[in-house]
Amino acid sequence: MSVLPLKVENVYKSFHAGLFSGRVEILHGITFSLNPGEIFGLLGRNGAGKTTTLKTIVGLLTPDSGTVSIFGMSPSSVQARRLLGFLPEHPYFYGYLTGREFLEMAAALHGMGSREASRRADELLETVNMTHAADKPLRKYSKGMLQRIGLAQAIVGAPQLIVLDEPLSGLDPVGRRELKEVVLSLKKQGRTVLFSSHILPDVEEMCDRVGIVEQGTLTLVESVDTLLERGTQRTEVELIGDCSKLINHFNKLSFVKRAGATVVTLPRDGDVQGLIAAAIKHGCHISGVKPYRKTLEELLLEAPSGVSEQEDASRKEDTQ
């Protein structure tokens, strides 16, 4: 499709903070869009406005002003919802249904006949590695098992845009790895994924771009590679051979001997390519180049903290 999977333009949203209080504005002009086939991570502290943003995108909340379009259509339209899959942070499950029955029900809601719904349920149970618990009631599922079934229902209709609120929450390391592979496979199929998460190493590993939400404002939208490159603190270049001439040429740099090699440390803005070229010219062999960067978590923690009143109002609304 030539139109963007998602376009959010200047969205504002407020809620009543209490019976005798005025309205508290949670979103302040949120604007961003998604490219086809990308994975976009929405980051921010609790109460920053992430869940409110996602609920507004999928049509569960109506913005006070601004617009949201899914493939050029309103989120409330039947056509847009057919192209959309959603997993909320706190999904509700019918505990008396089995995992298989729940997915068959979800498939039936997408208009599939009983035979097709059964086939699709079996397919998704295998995709999220839940075949072994397919006929167990959902009330006996662990939090991680419910997350898997929740992700399966979000993609039951083969949506083109998948919105996931904290999809990796409650999973052990193996479960996170498996579900990350599912999300990455959606990208390979050309689908677009938007998700929020507090597990920043996973975001760093999966996302093409991220947006940071603070106090209801999108303070930054950037590719993960560019963001991490901006956080580079220093770079170490490991050399083998006689580096005496190189050391004399770059006498202001730090050269140390380490495990039979010579390691030179360059500052954040150092000319790494220039050093490598000079090393080769002076007969040194390059055995390694290692940048030391701030993690995505460190970069996020450097952002300004939110406003407590806003956080409280957002948390109350997000649990409704």
C-alpha atoms as a PDB file:
ATOM      1  CA  MET A   1       0.000   0.000   0.000  1.00  0.00           C
ATOM      2  CA  SER A   2       1.326   3.448  -0.891  1.00  0.00           C
ATOM      3  CA  VAL A   3      -0.232   5.301   2.081  1.00  0.00           C
ATOM      4  CA  LEU A   4       1.515   5.258   5.447  1.00  0.00           C
ATOM      5  CA  PRO A   5       0.424   2.509   7.867  1.00  0.00           C
ATOM      6  CA  LEU A   6       0.022   5.080  10.628  1.00  0.00           C
ATOM      7  CA  LYS A   7      -0.028   8.853  10.791  1.00  0.00           C
ATOM      8  CA  VAL A   8      -0.538  10.729  14.062  1.00  0.00           C
ATOM      9  CA  GLU A   9      -0.840  14.489  13.745  1.00  0.00           C
ATOM     10  CA  ASN A  10      -0.876  17.003  16.603  1.00  0.00           C
ATOM     11  CA  VAL A  11      -2.923  14.824  18.970  1.00  0.00           C
ATOM     12  CA  TYR A  12      -4.026  16.256  22.314  1.00  0.00           C
ATOM     13  CA  LYS A  13      -5.836  14.260  24.986  1.00  0.00           C
ATOM     14  CA  SER A  14      -6.978  15.199  28.491  1.00  0.00           C
ATOM     15  CA  PHE A  15      -8.899  13.525  31.334  1.00  0.00           C
ATOM     16  CA  HIS A  16     -10.724  14.599  34.459  1.00  0.00           C
ATOM     17  CA  ALA A  17      -8.271  14.204  37.348  1.00  0.00           C
ATOM     18  CA  GLY A  18     -11.086  13.854  39.887  1.00  0.00           C
ATOM     19  CA  LEU A  19     -14.711  14.627  40.683  1.00  0.00           C
ATOM     20  CA  PHE A  20     -14.006  18.207  41.761  1.00  0.00           C
ATOM     21  CA  SER A  21     -10.873  18.785  39.718  1.00  0.00           C
ATOM     22  CA  GLY A  22     -10.369  20.174  36.260  1.00  0.00           C
ATOM     23  CA  ARG A  23      -9.002  18.330  33.280  1.00  0.00           C
ATOM     24  CA  VAL A  24      -5.393  17.215  33.132  1.00  0.00           C
ATOM     25  CA  GLU A  25      -3.814  17.215  29.702  1.00  0.00           C
ATOM     26  CA  ILE A  26      -1.938  13.960  29.079  1.00  0.00           C
ATOM     27  CA  LEU A  27      -0.929  14.251  25.421  1.00  0.00           C
ATOM     28  CA  HIS A  28       0.471  17.525  24.102  1.00  0.00           C
ATOM     29  CA  GLY A  29       0.525  17.554  20.316  1.00  0.00           C
ATOM     30  CA  ILE A  30       1.885  14.049  19.634  1.00  0.00           C
ATOM     31  CA  THR A  31       3.014  13.795  15.988  1.00  0.00           C
ATOM     32  CA  PHE A  32       4.746  10.898  14.232  1.00  0.00           C
ATOM     33  CA  SER A  33       4.220   8.387  11.449  1.00  0.00           C
ATOM     34  CA  LEU A  34       5.290   4.833  10.654  1.00  0.00           C
ATOM     35  CA  ASN A  35       6.929   3.587   7.494  1.00  0.00           C
ATOM     36  CA  PRO A  36       5.728   0.353   5.883  1.00  0.00           C
ATOM     37  CA  GLY A  37       7.460  -2.738   7.225  1.00  0.00           C
ATOM     38  CA  GLU A  38       9.281  -1.117  10.145  1.00  0.00           C
ATOM     39  CA  ILE A  39       9.331  -1.876  13.866  1.00  0.00           C
ATOM     40  CA  PHE A  40       8.862   1.287  15.907  1.00  0.00           C
ATOM     41  CA  GLY A  41       9.399   1.385  19.673  1.00  0.00           C
ATOM     42  CA  LEU A  42       7.560   3.864  21.885  1.00  0.00           C
ATOM     43  CA  LEU A  43       9.612   4.552  25.013  1.00  0.00           C
ATOM     44  CA  GLY A  44       9.051   6.553  28.162  1.00  0.00           C
ATOM     45  CA  ARG A  45       8.577   6.378  31.908  1.00  0.00           C
ATOM     46  CA  ASN A  46       5.374   5.157  33.535  1.00  0.00           C
ATOM     47  CA  GLY A  47       2.755   7.858  33.134  1.00  0.00           C
ATOM     48  CA  ALA A  48       4.546   9.558  30.241  1.00  0.00           C
ATOM     49  CA  GLY A  49       1.571   8.952  27.947  1.00  0.00           C
ATOM     50  CA  LYS A  50       2.541   5.805  26.011  1.00  0.00           C
ATOM     51  CA  THR A  51      -0.586   3.759  26.721  1.00  0.00           C
ATOM     52  CA  THR A  52      -2.853   6.754  26.144  1.00  0.00           C
ATOM     53  CA  THR A  53      -1.138   7.261  22.795  1.00  0.00           C
ATOM     54  CA  LEU A  54      -1.640   3.622  21.808  1.00  0.00           C
ATOM     55  CA  LYS A  55      -5.292   3.597  22.903  1.00  0.00           C
ATOM     56  CA  THR A  56      -5.892   6.719  20.843  1.00  0.00           C
ATOM     57  CA  ILE A  57      -4.229   5.134  17.821  1.00  0.00           C
ATOM     58  CA  VAL A  58      -6.410   2.013  17.913  1.00  0.00           C
ATOM     59  CA  GLY A  59      -9.615   3.995  18.484  1.00  0.00           C
ATOM     60  CA  LEU A  60     -10.300   3.123  22.123  1.00  0.00           C
ATOM     61  CA  LEU A  61      -9.904   6.797  23.011  1.00  0.00           C
ATOM     62  CA  THR A  62     -10.924   9.837  20.983  1.00  0.00           C
ATOM     63  CA  PRO A  63      -8.426  12.711  20.858  1.00  0.00           C
ATOM     64  CA  ASP A  64      -9.530  16.148  22.027  1.00  0.00           C
ATOM     65  CA  SER A  65      -7.936  17.489  18.859  1.00  0.00           C
ATOM     66  CA  GLY A  66      -5.624  16.268  16.136  1.00  0.00           C
ATOM     67  CA  THR A  67      -6.007  13.262  13.856  1.00  0.00           C
ATOM     68  CA  VAL A  68      -5.002   9.616  13.623  1.00  0.00           C
ATOM     69  CA  SER A  69      -5.142   7.688  10.358  1.00  0.00           C
ATOM     70  CA  ILE A  70      -4.472   4.019   9.676  1.00  0.00           C
ATOM     71  CA  PHE A  71      -3.636   3.498   6.012  1.00  0.00           C
ATOM     72  CA  GLY A  72      -5.368   6.813   5.380  1.00  0.00           C
ATOM     73  CA  MET A  73      -8.547   5.810   7.256  1.00  0.00           C
ATOM     74  CA  SER A  74     -10.060   6.636  10.631  1.00  0.00           C
ATOM     75  CA  PRO A  75      -9.233   4.083  13.359  1.00  0.00           C
ATOM     76  CA  SER A  76     -12.980   3.731  13.998  1.00  0.00           C
ATOM     77  CA  SER A  77     -13.709   2.561  10.454  1.00  0.00           C
ATOM     78  CA  VAL A  78     -14.345  -1.114   9.768  1.00  0.00           C
ATOM     79  CA  GLN A  79     -11.785  -1.088   6.940  1.00  0.00           C
ATOM     80  CA  ALA A  80      -9.027   0.230   9.224  1.00  0.00           C
ATOM     81  CA  ARG A  81      -9.811  -2.271  11.971  1.00  0.00           C
ATOM     82  CA  ARG A  82      -9.496  -5.126   9.514  1.00  0.00           C
ATOM     83  CA  LEU A  83      -5.910  -4.027   8.929  1.00  0.00           C
ATOM     84  CA  LEU A  84      -5.139  -3.591  12.644  1.00  0.00           C
ATOM     85  CA  GLY A  85      -4.069  -5.989  15.392  1.00  0.00           C
ATOM     86  CA  PHE A  86      -3.827  -4.903  19.039  1.00  0.00           C
ATOM     87  CA  LEU A  87      -2.516  -6.356  22.286  1.00  0.00           C
ATOM     88  CA  PRO A  88      -3.261  -4.109  25.310  1.00  0.00           C
ATOM     89  CA  GLU A  89      -0.992  -4.010  28.343  1.00  0.00           C
ATOM     90  CA  HIS A  90      -3.652  -5.633  30.531  1.00  0.00           C
ATOM     91  CA  PRO A  91      -5.747  -7.863  28.238  1.00  0.00           C
ATOM     92  CA  TYR A  92      -8.842  -9.639  29.524  1.00  0.00           C
ATOM     93  CA  PHE A  93      -9.254 -13.359  28.898  1.00  0.00           C
ATOM     94  CA  TYR A  94     -12.223 -15.651  29.427  1.00  0.00           C
ATOM     95  CA  GLY A  95     -10.731 -18.056  31.959  1.00  0.00           C
ATOM     96  CA  TYR A  96     -13.085 -20.922  31.130  1.00  0.00           C
ATOM     97  CA  LEU A  97     -11.943 -21.045  27.485  1.00  0.00           C
ATOM     98  CA  THR A  98      -8.915 -23.026  26.418  1.00  0.00           C
ATOM     99  CA  GLY A  99      -6.147 -21.364  24.439  1.00  0.00           C
ATOM    100  CA  ARG A 100      -7.402 -23.064  21.285  1.00  0.00           C
ATOM    101  CA  GLU A 101     -11.010 -22.017  21.888  1.00  0.00           C
ATOM    102  CA  PHE A 102      -9.981 -18.434  22.560  1.00  0.00           C
ATOM    103  CA  LEU A 103      -8.059 -18.194  19.277  1.00  0.00           C
ATOM    104  CA  GLU A 104     -10.891 -19.891  17.376  1.00  0.00           C
ATOM    105  CA  MET A 105     -13.278 -17.288  18.814  1.00  0.00           C
ATOM    106  CA  ALA A 106     -10.921 -14.478  17.761  1.00  0.00           C
ATOM    107  CA  ALA A 107     -10.678 -15.967  14.276  1.00  0.00           C
ATOM    108  CA  ALA A 108     -14.476 -16.244  14.061  1.00  0.00           C
ATOM    109  CA  LEU A 109     -14.752 -12.551  14.977  1.00  0.00           C
ATOM    110  CA  HIS A 110     -12.571 -11.880  11.937  1.00  0.00           C
ATOM    111  CA  GLY A 111     -15.184 -13.627   9.785  1.00  0.00           C
ATOM    112  CA  MET A 112     -13.507 -17.022   9.417  1.00  0.00           C
ATOM    113  CA  GLY A 113     -15.593 -20.168   9.171  1.00  0.00           C
ATOM    114  CA  SER A 114     -15.188 -22.914  11.771  1.00  0.00           C
ATOM    115  CA  ARG A 115     -12.761 -24.986   9.694  1.00  0.00           C
ATOM    116  CA  GLU A 116     -10.586 -22.000   8.780  1.00  0.00           C
ATOM    117  CA  ALA A 117     -10.713 -20.707  12.365  1.00  0.00           C
ATOM    118  CA  SER A 118      -9.545 -24.071  13.688  1.00  0.00           C
ATOM    119  CA  ARG A 119      -6.695 -24.200  11.173  1.00  0.00           C
ATOM    120  CA  ARG A 120      -5.630 -20.640  12.003  1.00  0.00           C
ATOM    121  CA  ALA A 121      -5.739 -21.331  15.758  1.00  0.00           C
ATOM    122  CA  ASP A 122      -3.486 -24.379  15.362  1.00  0.00           C
ATOM    123  CA  GLU A 123      -1.097 -22.368  13.215  1.00  0.00           C
ATOM    124  CA  LEU A 124      -0.815 -19.578  15.757  1.00  0.00           C
ATOM    125  CA  LEU A 125      -0.469 -21.924  18.712  1.00  0.00           C
ATOM    126  CA  GLU A 126       2.595 -23.315  17.000  1.00  0.00           C
ATOM    127  CA  THR A 127       3.866 -19.835  16.138  1.00  0.00           C
ATOM    128  CA  VAL A 128       3.867 -18.722  19.789  1.00  0.00           C
ATOM    129  CA  ASN A 129       4.976 -22.150  21.064  1.00  0.00           C
ATOM    130  CA  MET A 130       1.775 -22.896  22.965  1.00  0.00           C
ATOM    131  CA  THR A 131       0.644 -26.131  21.318  1.00  0.00           C
ATOM    132  CA  HIS A 132       1.415 -28.045  24.513  1.00  0.00           C
ATOM    133  CA  ALA A 133      -1.159 -25.968  26.441  1.00  0.00           C
ATOM    134  CA  ALA A 134      -3.734 -25.587  23.661  1.00  0.00           C
ATOM    135  CA  ASP A 135      -6.481 -27.452  25.531  1.00  0.00           C
ATOM    136  CA  LYS A 136      -5.777 -26.085  29.000  1.00  0.00           C
ATOM    137  CA  PRO A 137      -8.210 -23.439  30.407  1.00  0.00           C
ATOM    138  CA  LEU A 138      -6.811 -19.924  30.288  1.00  0.00           C
ATOM    139  CA  ARG A 139      -7.353 -19.510  34.041  1.00  0.00           C
ATOM    140  CA  LYS A 140      -4.530 -22.016  34.516  1.00  0.00           C
ATOM    141  CA  TYR A 141      -2.114 -20.106  32.277  1.00  0.00           C
ATOM    142  CA  SER A 142       0.817 -18.189  33.712  1.00  0.00           C
ATOM    143  CA  LYS A 143       1.331 -14.494  32.929  1.00  0.00           C
ATOM    144  CA  GLY A 144       3.861 -15.368  30.255  1.00  0.00           C
ATOM    145  CA  MET A 145       1.546 -17.949  28.665  1.00  0.00           C
ATOM    146  CA  LEU A 146      -1.251 -15.380  28.521  1.00  0.00           C
ATOM    147  CA  GLN A 147       1.106 -12.920  26.822  1.00  0.00           C
ATOM    148  CA  ARG A 148       1.797 -15.499  24.129  1.00  0.00           C
ATOM    149  CA  ILE A 149      -1.901 -16.154  23.556  1.00  0.00           C
ATOM    150  CA  GLY A 150      -2.525 -12.411  23.574  1.00  0.00           C
ATOM    151  CA  LEU A 151       0.046 -11.873  20.837  1.00  0.00           C
ATOM    152  CA  ALA A 152      -1.468 -14.737  18.853  1.00  0.00           C
ATOM    153  CA  GLN A 153      -4.920 -13.106  18.938  1.00  0.00           C
ATOM    154  CA  ALA A 154      -3.403  -9.791  17.877  1.00  0.00           C
ATOM    155  CA  ILE A 155      -2.199 -11.350  14.626  1.00  0.00           C
ATOM    156  CA  VAL A 156      -5.029 -13.820  14.058  1.00  0.00           C
ATOM    157  CA  GLY A 157      -6.448 -11.768  11.181  1.00  0.00           C
ATOM    158  CA  ALA A 158      -3.041 -11.271   9.497  1.00  0.00           C
ATOM    159  CA  PRO A 159      -3.132  -7.492  10.117  1.00  0.00           C
ATOM    160  CA  GLN A 160      -0.866  -5.077   8.272  1.00  0.00           C
ATOM    161  CA  LEU A 161      -0.359  -2.882  11.372  1.00  0.00           C
ATOM    162  CA  ILE A 162       0.213  -4.497  14.770  1.00  0.00           C
ATOM    163  CA  VAL A 163       0.108  -2.365  17.945  1.00  0.00           C
ATOM    164  CA  LEU A 164       1.490  -3.995  21.093  1.00  0.00           C
ATOM    165  CA  ASP A 165       1.508  -2.456  24.584  1.00  0.00           C
ATOM    166  CA  GLU A 166       4.301  -4.030  26.675  1.00  0.00           C
ATOM    167  CA  PRO A 167       4.201  -7.326  24.724  1.00  0.00           C
ATOM    168  CA  LEU A 168       7.280  -8.824  26.423  1.00  0.00           C
ATOM    169  CA  SER A 169       6.109  -8.141  29.973  1.00  0.00           C
ATOM    170  CA  GLY A 170       6.005 -11.182  32.237  1.00  0.00           C
ATOM    171  CA  LEU A 171       8.099 -13.401  29.989  1.00  0.00           C
ATOM    172  CA  ASP A 172      11.231 -15.261  30.997  1.00  0.00           C
ATOM    173  CA  PRO A 173      14.364 -14.853  28.824  1.00  0.00           C
ATOM    174  CA  VAL A 174      13.453 -17.824  26.630  1.00  0.00           C
ATOM    175  CA  GLY A 175       9.912 -16.553  26.146  1.00  0.00           C
ATOM    176  CA  ARG A 176      11.155 -13.073  25.282  1.00  0.00           C
ATOM    177  CA  ARG A 177      13.518 -14.514  22.700  1.00  0.00           C
ATOM    178  CA  GLU A 178      10.748 -16.577  21.093  1.00  0.00           C
ATOM    179  CA  LEU A 179       8.272 -13.708  20.944  1.00  0.00           C
ATOM    180  CA  LYS A 180      10.932 -11.351  19.608  1.00  0.00           C
ATOM    181  CA  GLU A 181      11.450 -13.815  16.790  1.00  0.00           C
ATOM    182  CA  VAL A 182       7.692 -13.747  16.111  1.00  0.00           C
ATOM    183  CA  VAL A 183       7.704  -9.941  15.936  1.00  0.00           C
ATOM    184  CA  LEU A 184      10.778  -9.915  13.697  1.00  0.00           C
ATOM    185  CA  SER A 185       9.093 -12.466  11.423  1.00  0.00           C
ATOM    186  CA  LEU A 186       6.154 -10.056  11.049  1.00  0.00           C
ATOM    187  CA  LYS A 187       8.578  -7.450   9.760  1.00  0.00           C
ATOM    188  CA  LYS A 188       9.995  -9.966   7.267  1.00  0.00           C
ATOM    189  CA  GLN A 189       6.431 -10.450   6.006  1.00  0.00           C
ATOM    190  CA  GLY A 190       6.231  -6.710   5.314  1.00  0.00           C
ATOM    191  CA  ARG A 191       3.994  -5.888   8.269  1.00  0.00           C
ATOM    192  CA  THR A 192       4.439  -2.800  10.438  1.00  0.00           C
ATOM    193  CA  VAL A 193       4.783  -3.083  14.220  1.00  0.00           C
ATOM    194  CA  LEU A 194       4.398  -0.382  16.867  1.00  0.00           C
ATOM    195  CA  PHE A 195       5.062  -1.378  20.449  1.00  0.00           C
ATOM    196  CA  SER A 196       5.880   0.099  23.818  1.00  0.00           C
ATOM    197  CA  SER A 197       8.261  -1.547  26.233  1.00  0.00           C
ATOM    198  CA  HIS A 198      10.329  -1.025  29.360  1.00  0.00           C
ATOM    199  CA  ILE A 199      12.756  -3.807  28.389  1.00  0.00           C
ATOM    200  CA  LEU A 200      15.155  -1.526  26.586  1.00  0.00           C
ATOM    201  CA  PRO A 201      17.754  -4.091  25.444  1.00  0.00           C
ATOM    202  CA  ASP A 202      14.950  -5.807  23.520  1.00  0.00           C
ATOM    203  CA  VAL A 203      13.911  -2.496  21.975  1.00  0.00           C
ATOM    204  CA  GLU A 204      17.517  -1.828  21.008  1.00  0.00           C
ATOM    205  CA  GLU A 205      17.732  -5.235  19.359  1.00  0.00           C
ATOM    206  CA  MET A 206      14.402  -5.185  17.497  1.00  0.00           C
ATOM    207  CA  CYS A 207      13.494  -1.647  16.492  1.00  0.00           C
ATOM    208  CA  ASP A 208      14.333   0.325  13.374  1.00  0.00           C
ATOM    209  CA  ARG A 209      13.270   3.587  15.015  1.00  0.00           C
ATOM    210  CA  VAL A 210      12.187   4.730  18.456  1.00  0.00           C
ATOM    211  CA  GLY A 211      10.181   7.618  19.833  1.00  0.00           C
ATOM    212  CA  ILE A 212      10.660   8.913  23.367  1.00  0.00           C
ATOM    213  CA  VAL A 213       7.578  10.243  25.161  1.00  0.00           C
ATOM    214  CA  GLU A 214       8.029  12.592  28.111  1.00  0.00           C
ATOM    215  CA  GLN A 215       5.212  14.476  29.843  1.00  0.00           C
ATOM    216  CA  GLY A 216       2.864  13.698  26.957  1.00  0.00           C
ATOM    217  CA  THR A 217       5.222  15.087  24.342  1.00  0.00           C
ATOM    218  CA  LEU A 218       7.206  13.164  21.772  1.00  0.00           C
ATOM    219  CA  THR A 219      10.641  14.578  22.541  1.00  0.00           C
ATOM    220  CA  LEU A 220      12.596  12.515  20.025  1.00  0.00           C
ATOM    221  CA  VAL A 221      12.053  10.281  17.003  1.00  0.00           C
ATOM    222  CA  GLU A 222      15.251   8.706  15.747  1.00  0.00           C
ATOM    223  CA  SER A 223      16.669   5.540  14.224  1.00  0.00           C
ATOM    224  CA  VAL A 224      18.184   3.241  16.828  1.00  0.00           C
ATOM    225  CA  ASP A 225      21.541   3.236  15.049  1.00  0.00           C
ATOM    226  CA  THR A 226      21.713   7.040  14.956  1.00  0.00           C
ATOM    227  CA  LEU A 227      20.626   7.344  18.578  1.00  0.00           C
ATOM    228  CA  LEU A 228      23.248   4.890  19.792  1.00  0.00           C
ATOM    229  CA  GLU A 229      25.922   6.465  17.612  1.00  0.00           C
ATOM    230  CA  ARG A 230      25.129   9.772  19.282  1.00  0.00           C
ATOM    231  CA  GLY A 231      25.805   8.057  22.604  1.00  0.00           C
ATOM    232  CA  THR A 232      29.282   6.844  21.620  1.00  0.00           C
ATOM    233  CA  GLN A 233      31.712   7.775  24.411  1.00  0.00           C
ATOM    234  CA  ARG A 234      34.978   6.430  23.042  1.00  0.00           C
ATOM    235  CA  THR A 235      36.397   3.954  20.545  1.00  0.00           C
ATOM    236  CA  GLU A 236      39.210   1.471  21.078  1.00  0.00           C
ATOM    237  CA  VAL A 237      41.309   0.290  18.136  1.00  0.00           C
ATOM    238  CA  GLU A 238      43.432  -2.832  18.672  1.00  0.00           C
ATOM    239  CA  LEU A 239      46.676  -3.065  16.694  1.00  0.00           C
ATOM    240  CA  ILE A 240      49.219  -5.832  16.148  1.00  0.00           C
ATOM    241  CA  GLY A 241      52.825  -5.329  15.055  1.00  0.00           C
ATOM    242  CA  ASP A 242      55.437  -2.616  15.519  1.00  0.00           C
ATOM    243  CA  CYS A 243      53.421   0.527  16.268  1.00  0.00           C
ATOM    244  CA  SER A 244      56.310   2.759  17.401  1.00  0.00           C
ATOM    245  CA  LYS A 245      56.079   5.065  14.361  1.00  0.00           C
ATOM    246  CA  LEU A 246      52.302   5.334  14.755  1.00  0.00           C
ATOM    247  CA  ILE A 247      52.669   6.139  18.459  1.00  0.00           C
ATOM    248  CA  ASN A 248      55.146   8.901  17.656  1.00  0.00           C
ATOM    249  CA  HIS A 249      52.769  10.286  15.002  1.00  0.00           C
ATOM    250  CA  PHE A 250      49.766  10.305  17.383  1.00  0.00           C
ATOM    251  CA  ASN A 251      51.598  11.166  20.603  1.00  0.00           C
ATOM    252  CA  LYS A 252      48.538  12.832  22.137  1.00  0.00           C
ATOM    253  CA  LEU A 253      46.499   9.611  22.069  1.00  0.00           C
ATOM    254  CA  SER A 254      46.545   6.915  24.737  1.00  0.00           C
ATOM    255  CA  PHE A 255      48.387   3.747  23.654  1.00  0.00           C
ATOM    256  CA  VAL A 256      48.557   0.767  26.029  1.00  0.00           C
ATOM    257  CA  LYS A 257      49.837  -2.797  25.728  1.00  0.00           C
ATOM    258  CA  ARG A 258      47.152  -5.430  26.306  1.00  0.00           C
ATOM    259  CA  ALA A 259      47.497  -9.190  25.727  1.00  0.00           C
ATOM    260  CA  GLY A 260      50.219  -8.850  23.118  1.00  0.00           C
ATOM    261  CA  ALA A 261      48.474  -6.046  21.236  1.00  0.00           C
ATOM    262  CA  THR A 262      48.586  -2.260  21.262  1.00  0.00           C
ATOM    263  CA  VAL A 263      45.282  -0.606  22.085  1.00  0.00           C
ATOM    264  CA  VAL A 264      44.668   3.045  21.267  1.00  0.00           C
ATOM    265  CA  THR A 265      41.675   4.914  22.707  1.00  0.00           C
ATOM    266  CA  LEU A 266      40.037   7.715  20.746  1.00  0.00           C
ATOM    267  CA  PRO A 267      37.583  10.223  22.216  1.00  0.00           C
ATOM    268  CA  ARG A 268      33.959  10.450  21.058  1.00  0.00           C
ATOM    269  CA  ASP A 269      34.798  12.810  18.191  1.00  0.00           C
ATOM    270  CA  GLY A 270      38.100  11.112  17.315  1.00  0.00           C
ATOM    271  CA  ASP A 271      39.015  10.337  13.700  1.00  0.00           C
ATOM    272  CA  VAL A 272      38.795   6.552  13.748  1.00  0.00           C
ATOM    273  CA  GLN A 273      39.123   6.187   9.975  1.00  0.00           C
ATOM    274  CA  GLY A 274      42.137   8.494   9.931  1.00  0.00           C
ATOM    275  CA  LEU A 275      43.848   6.447  12.638  1.00  0.00           C
ATOM    276  CA  ILE A 276      43.166   3.177  10.802  1.00  0.00           C
ATOM    277  CA  ALA A 277      44.569   4.588   7.559  1.00  0.00           C
ATOM    278  CA  ALA A 278      47.695   5.832   9.345  1.00  0.00           C
ATOM    279  CA  ALA A 279      48.137   2.490  11.147  1.00  0.00           C
ATOM    280  CA  ILE A 280      48.071   0.574   7.879  1.00  0.00           C
ATOM    281  CA  LYS A 281      50.521   3.079   6.350  1.00  0.00           C
ATOM    282  CA  HIS A 282      52.957   2.521   9.247  1.00  0.00           C
ATOM    283  CA  GLY A 283      52.760  -1.269   8.982  1.00  0.00           C
ATOM    284  CA  CYS A 284      50.327  -2.050  11.807  1.00  0.00           C
ATOM    285  CA  HIS A 285      47.595  -4.655  11.473  1.00  0.00           C
ATOM    286  CA  ILE A 286      44.068  -3.861  12.705  1.00  0.00           C
ATOM    287  CA  SER A 287      42.744  -6.697  14.860  1.00  0.00           C
ATOM    288  CA  GLY A 288      39.670  -4.972  16.272  1.00  0.00           C
ATOM    289  CA  VAL A 289      37.629  -1.778  16.484  1.00  0.00           C
ATOM    290  CA  LYS A 290      35.259  -1.482  19.447  1.00  0.00           C
ATOM    291  CA  PRO A 291      33.052   1.558  20.121  1.00  0.00           C
ATOM    292  CA  TYR A 292      31.906   2.062  23.713  1.00  0.00           C
ATOM    293  CA  ARG A 293      28.400   3.461  23.684  1.00  0.00           C
ATOM    294  CA  LYS A 294      25.746   4.395  26.142  1.00  0.00           C
ATOM    295  CA  THR A 295      22.920   1.900  26.130  1.00  0.00           C
ATOM    296  CA  LEU A 296      19.431   2.901  25.088  1.00  0.00           C
ATOM    297  CA  GLU A 297      18.488   2.721  28.763  1.00  0.00           C
ATOM    298  CA  GLU A 298      21.202   5.240  29.702  1.00  0.00           C
ATOM    299  CA  LEU A 299      20.079   7.589  26.941  1.00  0.00           C
ATOM    300  CA  LEU A 300      16.461   7.336  28.076  1.00  0.00           C
ATOM    301  CA  LEU A 301      17.373   8.011  31.705  1.00  0.00           C
ATOM    302  CA  GLU A 302      19.058  11.231  30.627  1.00  0.00           C
ATOM    303  CA  ALA A 303      15.681  12.569  29.452  1.00  0.00           C
ATOM    304  CA  PRO A 304      13.872  14.944  31.857  1.00  0.00           C
ATOM    305  CA  SER A 305      11.508  13.350  34.360  1.00  0.00           C
ATOM    306  CA  GLY A 306       7.742  13.674  34.038  1.00  0.00           C
ATOM    307  CA  VAL A 307       5.223  15.614  36.130  1.00  0.00           C
ATOM    308  CA  SER A 308       3.774  13.654  39.048  1.00  0.00           C
ATOM    309  CA  GLU A 309       0.209  14.967  38.655  1.00  0.00           C
ATOM    310  CA  GLN A 310       0.236  13.958  35.019  1.00  0.00           C
ATOM    311  CA  GLU A 311       1.626  10.533  35.788  1.00  0.00           C
ATOM    312  CA  ASP A 312      -1.103   9.896  38.375  1.00  0.00           C
ATOM    313  CA  ALA A 313      -3.913  10.898  35.982  1.00  0.00           C
ATOM    314  CA  SER A 314      -2.452   8.822  33.164  1.00  0.00           C
ATOM    315  CA  ARG A 315      -2.062   5.754  35.359  1.00  0.00           C
ATOM    316  CA  LYS A 316      -5.685   6.009  36.504  1.00  0.00           C
ATOM    317  CA  GLU A 317      -6.910   6.219  32.923  1.00  0.00           C
ATOM    318  CA  ASP A 318      -4.615   3.441  31.686  1.00  0.00           C
ATOM    319  CA  THR A 319      -6.107   0.977  34.189  1.00  0.00           C
ATOM    320  CA  GLN A 320      -9.676   1.639  33.054  1.00  0.00           C
END
